Amino acid sequence: MRTLKEARVGDTVQVVKLHGEGAVKRRIMDMGITKGVEVFVRKVAPLGDPMELSVRGYELSLRKADAGMIEIA
């Protein structure tokens, strides 16, 4: 299983599945990250956290802890 946390800058990936429970999973879905959506990794902060992503036409910053719950292809 490969997660969004492992994606590199410049990668375009597709979300396969969201892991996690309850409020955390709901918050990720509310940000527009759902099954089947394409995510482009724009930047990663100098210390590695957070990541800047392009999702559905907007930029989103996401912590690595949350990115580890998103399975990608």
PDB file of N, CA and C in Angstrom:
ATOM      1  N   MET A   1       0.844  -1.184   0.000  1.00  0.00           N
ATOM      2  CA  MET A   1       0.000   0.000   0.000  1.00  0.00           C
ATOM      3  C   MET A   1       0.890   1.249   0.000  1.00  0.00           C
ATOM      4  N   ARG A   2       0.688   2.114  -0.970  1.00  0.00           N
ATOM      5  CA  ARG A   2       1.421   3.380  -1.075  1.00  0.00           C
ATOM      6  C   ARG A   2       0.511   4.512  -0.618  1.00  0.00           C
ATOM      7  N   THR A   3       1.039   5.408   0.192  1.00  0.00           N
ATOM      8  CA  THR A   3       0.221   6.506   0.710  1.00  0.00           C
ATOM      9  C   THR A   3       0.687   7.833   0.130  1.00  0.00           C
ATOM     10  N   LEU A   4      -0.142   8.850   0.271  1.00  0.00           N
ATOM     11  CA  LEU A   4       0.178  10.188  -0.206  1.00  0.00           C
ATOM     12  C   LEU A   4       1.428  10.735   0.484  1.00  0.00           C
ATOM     13  N   LYS A   5       1.680  10.288   1.685  1.00  0.00           N
ATOM     14  CA  LYS A   5       2.865  10.707   2.440  1.00  0.00           C
ATOM     15  C   LYS A   5       4.154  10.359   1.695  1.00  0.00           C
ATOM     16  N   GLU A   6       4.137   9.289   0.915  1.00  0.00           N
ATOM     17  CA  GLU A   6       5.316   8.804   0.189  1.00  0.00           C
ATOM     18  C   GLU A   6       5.477   9.437  -1.193  1.00  0.00           C
ATOM     19  N   ALA A   7       4.480  10.207  -1.651  1.00  0.00           N
ATOM     20  CA  ALA A   7       4.548  10.830  -2.974  1.00  0.00           C
ATOM     21  C   ALA A   7       5.610  11.932  -2.981  1.00  0.00           C
ATOM     22  N   ARG A   8       6.241  12.121  -4.119  1.00  0.00           N
ATOM     23  CA  ARG A   8       7.299  13.127  -4.255  1.00  0.00           C
ATOM     24  C   ARG A   8       6.761  14.377  -4.953  1.00  0.00           C
ATOM     25  N   VAL A   9       7.494  15.465  -4.815  1.00  0.00           N
ATOM     26  CA  VAL A   9       7.129  16.718  -5.479  1.00  0.00           C
ATOM     27  C   VAL A   9       7.083  16.485  -6.991  1.00  0.00           C
ATOM     28  N   GLY A  10       6.014  16.939  -7.620  1.00  0.00           N
ATOM     29  CA  GLY A  10       5.840  16.772  -9.058  1.00  0.00           C
ATOM     30  C   GLY A  10       5.004  15.570  -9.450  1.00  0.00           C
ATOM     31  N   ASP A  11       4.701  14.685  -8.505  1.00  0.00           N
ATOM     32  CA  ASP A  11       3.873  13.501  -8.792  1.00  0.00           C
ATOM     33  C   ASP A  11       2.398  13.888  -8.900  1.00  0.00           C
ATOM     34  N   THR A  12       1.718  13.266  -9.848  1.00  0.00           N
ATOM     35  CA  THR A  12       0.261  13.337  -9.925  1.00  0.00           C
ATOM     36  C   THR A  12      -0.238  11.936  -9.620  1.00  0.00           C
ATOM     37  N   VAL A  13      -1.033  11.814  -8.565  1.00  0.00           N
ATOM     38  CA  VAL A  13      -1.493  10.506  -8.113  1.00  0.00           C
ATOM     39  C   VAL A  13      -3.014  10.491  -8.023  1.00  0.00           C
ATOM     40  N   GLN A  14      -3.569   9.295  -7.960  1.00  0.00           N
ATOM     41  CA  GLN A  14      -5.012   9.134  -7.832  1.00  0.00           C
ATOM     42  C   GLN A  14      -5.315   8.466  -6.500  1.00  0.00           C
ATOM     43  N   VAL A  15      -6.323   8.994  -5.810  1.00  0.00           N
ATOM     44  CA  VAL A  15      -6.714   8.459  -4.504  1.00  0.00           C
ATOM     45  C   VAL A  15      -7.467   7.152  -4.719  1.00  0.00           C
ATOM     46  N   VAL A  16      -7.028   6.102  -4.009  1.00  0.00           N
ATOM     47  CA  VAL A  16      -7.664   4.786  -4.103  1.00  0.00           C
ATOM     48  C   VAL A  16      -8.618   4.580  -2.934  1.00  0.00           C
ATOM     49  N   LYS A  17      -8.170   4.953  -1.726  1.00  0.00           N
ATOM     50  CA  LYS A  17      -8.979   4.701  -0.535  1.00  0.00           C
ATOM     51  C   LYS A  17      -8.547   5.639   0.588  1.00  0.00           C
ATOM     52  N   LEU A  18      -9.505   6.001   1.433  1.00  0.00           N
ATOM     53  CA  LEU A  18      -9.213   6.791   2.626  1.00  0.00           C
ATOM     54  C   LEU A  18      -9.280   5.877   3.837  1.00  0.00           C
ATOM     55  N   HIS A  19      -8.222   5.897   4.633  1.00  0.00           N
ATOM     56  CA  HIS A  19      -8.206   5.137   5.878  1.00  0.00           C
ATOM     57  C   HIS A  19      -8.495   6.114   7.008  1.00  0.00           C
ATOM     58  N   GLY A  20      -8.701   5.616   8.188  1.00  0.00           N
ATOM     59  CA  GLY A  20      -8.995   6.503   9.306  1.00  0.00           C
ATOM     60  C   GLY A  20     -10.434   6.353   9.740  1.00  0.00           C
ATOM     61  N   GLU A  21     -10.762   7.017  10.810  1.00  0.00           N
ATOM     62  CA  GLU A  21     -12.086   6.868  11.411  1.00  0.00           C
ATOM     63  C   GLU A  21     -12.731   8.221  11.674  1.00  0.00           C
ATOM     64  N   GLY A  22     -14.027   8.245  11.667  1.00  0.00           N
ATOM     65  CA  GLY A  22     -14.822   9.366  12.146  1.00  0.00           C
ATOM     66  C   GLY A  22     -14.458  10.746  11.645  1.00  0.00           C
ATOM     67  N   ALA A  23     -14.189  11.647  12.589  1.00  0.00           N
ATOM     68  CA  ALA A  23     -13.987  13.062  12.288  1.00  0.00           C
ATOM     69  C   ALA A  23     -12.783  13.318  11.389  1.00  0.00           C
ATOM     70  N   VAL A  24     -11.721  12.557  11.560  1.00  0.00           N
ATOM     71  CA  VAL A  24     -10.523  12.756  10.740  1.00  0.00           C
ATOM     72  C   VAL A  24     -10.829  12.429   9.285  1.00  0.00           C
ATOM     73  N   LYS A  25     -11.455  11.308   9.044  1.00  0.00           N
ATOM     74  CA  LYS A  25     -11.817  10.906   7.682  1.00  0.00           C
ATOM     75  C   LYS A  25     -12.790  11.911   7.062  1.00  0.00           C
ATOM     76  N   ARG A  26     -13.746  12.367   7.838  1.00  0.00           N
ATOM     77  CA  ARG A  26     -14.739  13.342   7.365  1.00  0.00           C
ATOM     78  C   ARG A  26     -14.060  14.655   6.975  1.00  0.00           C
ATOM     79  N   ARG A  27     -13.077  15.103   7.779  1.00  0.00           N
ATOM     80  CA  ARG A  27     -12.366  16.350   7.503  1.00  0.00           C
ATOM     81  C   ARG A  27     -11.585  16.246   6.198  1.00  0.00           C
ATOM     82  N   ILE A  28     -10.938  15.106   5.968  1.00  0.00           N
ATOM     83  CA  ILE A  28     -10.193  14.897   4.726  1.00  0.00           C
ATOM     84  C   ILE A  28     -11.149  14.925   3.530  1.00  0.00           C
ATOM     85  N   MET A  29     -12.287  14.294   3.661  1.00  0.00           N
ATOM     86  CA  MET A  29     -13.279  14.287   2.583  1.00  0.00           C
ATOM     87  C   MET A  29     -13.841  15.689   2.341  1.00  0.00           C
ATOM     88  N   ASP A  30     -14.033  16.466   3.399  1.00  0.00           N
ATOM     89  CA  ASP A  30     -14.540  17.834   3.262  1.00  0.00           C
ATOM     90  C   ASP A  30     -13.548  18.735   2.520  1.00  0.00           C
ATOM     91  N   MET A  31     -12.274  18.397   2.564  1.00  0.00           N
ATOM     92  CA  MET A  31     -11.248  19.163   1.843  1.00  0.00           C
ATOM     93  C   MET A  31     -11.237  18.820   0.357  1.00  0.00           C
ATOM     94  N   GLY A  32     -12.025  17.854  -0.066  1.00  0.00           N
ATOM     95  CA  GLY A  32     -12.116  17.499  -1.481  1.00  0.00           C
ATOM     96  C   GLY A  32     -11.330  16.267  -1.861  1.00  0.00           C
ATOM     97  N   ILE A  33     -10.707  15.618  -0.891  1.00  0.00           N
ATOM     98  CA  ILE A  33      -9.936  14.405  -1.187  1.00  0.00           C
ATOM     99  C   ILE A  33     -10.851  13.200  -1.005  1.00  0.00           C
ATOM    100  N   THR A  34     -11.325  12.672  -2.126  1.00  0.00           N
ATOM    101  CA  THR A  34     -12.223  11.528  -2.111  1.00  0.00           C
ATOM    102  C   THR A  34     -11.688  10.473  -3.092  1.00  0.00           C
ATOM    103  N   LYS A  35     -12.266   9.296  -3.046  1.00  0.00           N
ATOM    104  CA  LYS A  35     -11.839   8.198  -3.913  1.00  0.00           C
ATOM    105  C   LYS A  35     -11.936   8.618  -5.384  1.00  0.00           C
ATOM    106  N   GLY A  36     -10.854   8.361  -6.123  1.00  0.00           N
ATOM    107  CA  GLY A  36     -10.843   8.626  -7.557  1.00  0.00           C
ATOM    108  C   GLY A  36     -10.307   9.990  -7.971  1.00  0.00           C
ATOM    109  N   VAL A  37     -10.150  10.919  -7.041  1.00  0.00           N
ATOM    110  CA  VAL A  37      -9.701  12.271  -7.389  1.00  0.00           C
ATOM    111  C   VAL A  37      -8.190  12.280  -7.633  1.00  0.00           C
ATOM    112  N   GLU A  38      -7.748  13.123  -8.579  1.00  0.00           N
ATOM    113  CA  GLU A  38      -6.321  13.265  -8.855  1.00  0.00           C
ATOM    114  C   GLU A  38      -5.741  14.358  -7.979  1.00  0.00           C
ATOM    115  N   VAL A  39      -4.549  14.095  -7.438  1.00  0.00           N
ATOM    116  CA  VAL A  39      -3.862  15.024  -6.547  1.00  0.00           C
ATOM    117  C   VAL A  39      -2.460  15.259  -7.105  1.00  0.00           C
ATOM    118  N   PHE A  40      -2.080  16.537  -7.232  1.00  0.00           N
ATOM    119  CA  PHE A  40      -0.741  16.908  -7.691  1.00  0.00           C
ATOM    120  C   PHE A  40       0.043  17.438  -6.500  1.00  0.00           C
ATOM    121  N   VAL A  41       1.228  16.884  -6.249  1.00  0.00           N
ATOM    122  CA  VAL A  41       2.072  17.325  -5.138  1.00  0.00           C
ATOM    123  C   VAL A  41       2.907  18.507  -5.619  1.00  0.00           C
ATOM    124  N   ARG A  42       2.567  19.718  -5.144  1.00  0.00           N
ATOM    125  CA  ARG A  42       3.249  20.950  -5.574  1.00  0.00           C
ATOM    126  C   ARG A  42       4.553  21.184  -4.835  1.00  0.00           C
ATOM    127  N   LYS A  43       4.514  21.134  -3.518  1.00  0.00           N
ATOM    128  CA  LYS A  43       5.700  21.441  -2.700  1.00  0.00           C
ATOM    129  C   LYS A  43       5.648  20.647  -1.406  1.00  0.00           C
ATOM    130  N   VAL A  44       6.803  20.543  -0.771  1.00  0.00           N
ATOM    131  CA  VAL A  44       6.885  20.003   0.586  1.00  0.00           C
ATOM    132  C   VAL A  44       7.734  20.988   1.377  1.00  0.00           C
ATOM    133  N   ALA A  45       7.300  21.317   2.582  1.00  0.00           N
ATOM    134  CA  ALA A  45       8.020  22.271   3.422  1.00  0.00           C
ATOM    135  C   ALA A  45       9.446  21.777   3.692  1.00  0.00           C
ATOM    136  N   PRO A  46      10.364  22.690   4.000  1.00  0.00           N
ATOM    137  CA  PRO A  46      11.767  22.310   4.204  1.00  0.00           C
ATOM    138  C   PRO A  46      11.986  21.194   5.237  1.00  0.00           C
ATOM    139  N   LEU A  47      11.199  21.171   6.287  1.00  0.00           N
ATOM    140  CA  LEU A  47      11.339  20.112   7.284  1.00  0.00           C
ATOM    141  C   LEU A  47      10.430  18.919   7.006  1.00  0.00           C
ATOM    142  N   GLY A  48       9.750  18.939   5.841  1.00  0.00           N
ATOM    143  CA  GLY A  48       8.952  17.799   5.415  1.00  0.00           C
ATOM    144  C   GLY A  48       7.484  17.845   5.794  1.00  0.00           C
ATOM    145  N   ASP A  49       7.072  18.838   6.546  1.00  0.00           N
ATOM    146  CA  ASP A  49       5.670  18.889   6.986  1.00  0.00           C
ATOM    147  C   ASP A  49       5.228  20.335   7.049  1.00  0.00           C
ATOM    148  N   PRO A  50       4.183  20.769   6.412  1.00  0.00           N
ATOM    149  CA  PRO A  50       3.179  20.043   5.626  1.00  0.00           C
ATOM    150  C   PRO A  50       3.547  19.936   4.140  1.00  0.00           C
ATOM    151  N   MET A  51       2.622  19.316   3.395  1.00  0.00           N
ATOM    152  CA  MET A  51       2.746  19.200   1.946  1.00  0.00           C
ATOM    153  C   MET A  51       1.748  20.167   1.319  1.00  0.00           C
ATOM    154  N   GLU A  52       2.107  20.739   0.173  1.00  0.00           N
ATOM    155  CA  GLU A  52       1.152  21.571  -0.559  1.00  0.00           C
ATOM    156  C   GLU A  52       0.688  20.783  -1.771  1.00  0.00           C
ATOM    157  N   LEU A  53      -0.617  20.636  -1.900  1.00  0.00           N
ATOM    158  CA  LEU A  53      -1.223  19.820  -2.948  1.00  0.00           C
ATOM    159  C   LEU A  53      -2.158  20.655  -3.805  1.00  0.00           C
ATOM    160  N   SER A  54      -2.358  20.247  -5.046  1.00  0.00           N
ATOM    161  CA  SER A  54      -3.402  20.811  -5.900  1.00  0.00           C
ATOM    162  C   SER A  54      -4.485  19.752  -6.027  1.00  0.00           C
ATOM    163  N   VAL A  55      -5.682  20.100  -5.574  1.00  0.00           N
ATOM    164  CA  VAL A  55      -6.818  19.179  -5.589  1.00  0.00           C
ATOM    165  C   VAL A  55      -8.031  19.916  -6.127  1.00  0.00           C
ATOM    166  N   ARG A  56      -8.648  19.401  -7.190  1.00  0.00           N
ATOM    167  CA  ARG A  56      -9.874  19.978  -7.738  1.00  0.00           C
ATOM    168  C   ARG A  56      -9.751  21.475  -8.043  1.00  0.00           C
ATOM    169  N   GLY A  57      -8.563  21.895  -8.489  1.00  0.00           N
ATOM    170  CA  GLY A  57      -8.387  23.285  -8.898  1.00  0.00           C
ATOM    171  C   GLY A  57      -8.011  24.264  -7.803  1.00  0.00           C
ATOM    172  N   TYR A  58      -7.715  23.806  -6.616  1.00  0.00           N
ATOM    173  CA  TYR A  58      -7.256  24.710  -5.559  1.00  0.00           C
ATOM    174  C   TYR A  58      -6.070  24.104  -4.824  1.00  0.00           C
ATOM    175  N   GLU A  59      -5.342  24.968  -4.095  1.00  0.00           N
ATOM    176  CA  GLU A  59      -4.175  24.518  -3.342  1.00  0.00           C
ATOM    177  C   GLU A  59      -4.574  24.178  -1.916  1.00  0.00           C
ATOM    178  N   LEU A  60      -3.987  23.129  -1.388  1.00  0.00           N
ATOM    179  CA  LEU A  60      -4.317  22.621  -0.064  1.00  0.00           C
ATOM    180  C   LEU A  60      -3.041  22.229   0.649  1.00  0.00           C
ATOM    181  N   SER A  61      -2.905  22.635   1.902  1.00  0.00           N
ATOM    182  CA  SER A  61      -1.779  22.188   2.729  1.00  0.00           C
ATOM    183  C   SER A  61      -2.275  21.073   3.626  1.00  0.00           C
ATOM    184  N   LEU A  62      -1.512  19.994   3.690  1.00  0.00           N
ATOM    185  CA  LEU A  62      -1.931  18.813   4.432  1.00  0.00           C
ATOM    186  C   LEU A  62      -0.756  18.277   5.251  1.00  0.00           C
ATOM    187  N   ARG A  63      -1.015  17.969   6.515  1.00  0.00           N
ATOM    188  CA  ARG A  63       0.030  17.400   7.367  1.00  0.00           C
ATOM    189  C   ARG A  63       0.375  15.987   6.898  1.00  0.00           C
ATOM    190  N   LYS A  64       1.613  15.584   7.158  1.00  0.00           N
ATOM    191  CA  LYS A  64       2.057  14.230   6.769  1.00  0.00           C
ATOM    192  C   LYS A  64       1.252  13.152   7.503  1.00  0.00           C
ATOM    193  N   ALA A  65       0.852  13.428   8.739  1.00  0.00           N
ATOM    194  CA  ALA A  65       0.059  12.455   9.504  1.00  0.00           C
ATOM    195  C   ALA A  65      -1.262  12.165   8.776  1.00  0.00           C
ATOM    196  N   ASP A  66      -1.883  13.209   8.237  1.00  0.00           N
ATOM    197  CA  ASP A  66      -3.131  13.027   7.493  1.00  0.00           C
ATOM    198  C   ASP A  66      -2.865  12.401   6.134  1.00  0.00           C
ATOM    199  N   ALA A  67      -1.768  12.773   5.485  1.00  0.00           N
ATOM    200  CA  ALA A  67      -1.413  12.212   4.175  1.00  0.00           C
ATOM    201  C   ALA A  67      -1.156  10.708   4.280  1.00  0.00           C
ATOM    202  N   GLY A  68      -0.720  10.237   5.437  1.00  0.00           N
ATOM    203  CA  GLY A  68      -0.477   8.814   5.632  1.00  0.00           C
ATOM    204  C   GLY A  68      -1.747   7.983   5.651  1.00  0.00           C
ATOM    205  N   MET A  69      -2.900   8.628   5.761  1.00  0.00           N
ATOM    206  CA  MET A  69      -4.189   7.917   5.774  1.00  0.00           C
ATOM    207  C   MET A  69      -4.813   7.823   4.385  1.00  0.00           C
ATOM    208  N   ILE A  70      -4.136   8.381   3.379  1.00  0.00           N
ATOM    209  CA  ILE A  70      -4.688   8.422   2.023  1.00  0.00           C
ATOM    210  C   ILE A  70      -3.905   7.460   1.140  1.00  0.00           C
ATOM    211  N   GLU A  71      -4.553   6.380   0.729  1.00  0.00           N
ATOM    212  CA  GLU A  71      -3.927   5.372  -0.141  1.00  0.00           C
ATOM    213  C   GLU A  71      -4.017   5.854  -1.583  1.00  0.00           C
ATOM    214  N   ILE A  72      -2.895   5.759  -2.309  1.00  0.00           N
ATOM    215  CA  ILE A  72      -2.851   6.245  -3.689  1.00  0.00           C
ATOM    216  C   ILE A  72      -2.380   5.160  -4.663  1.00  0.00           C
ATOM    217  N   ALA A  73      -2.614   5.448  -5.945  1.00  0.00           N
ATOM    218  CA  ALA A  73      -2.132   4.559  -7.010  1.00  0.00           C
ATOM    219  C   ALA A  73      -1.187   5.315  -7.893  1.00  0.00           C
TER     220      ALA A  73
END
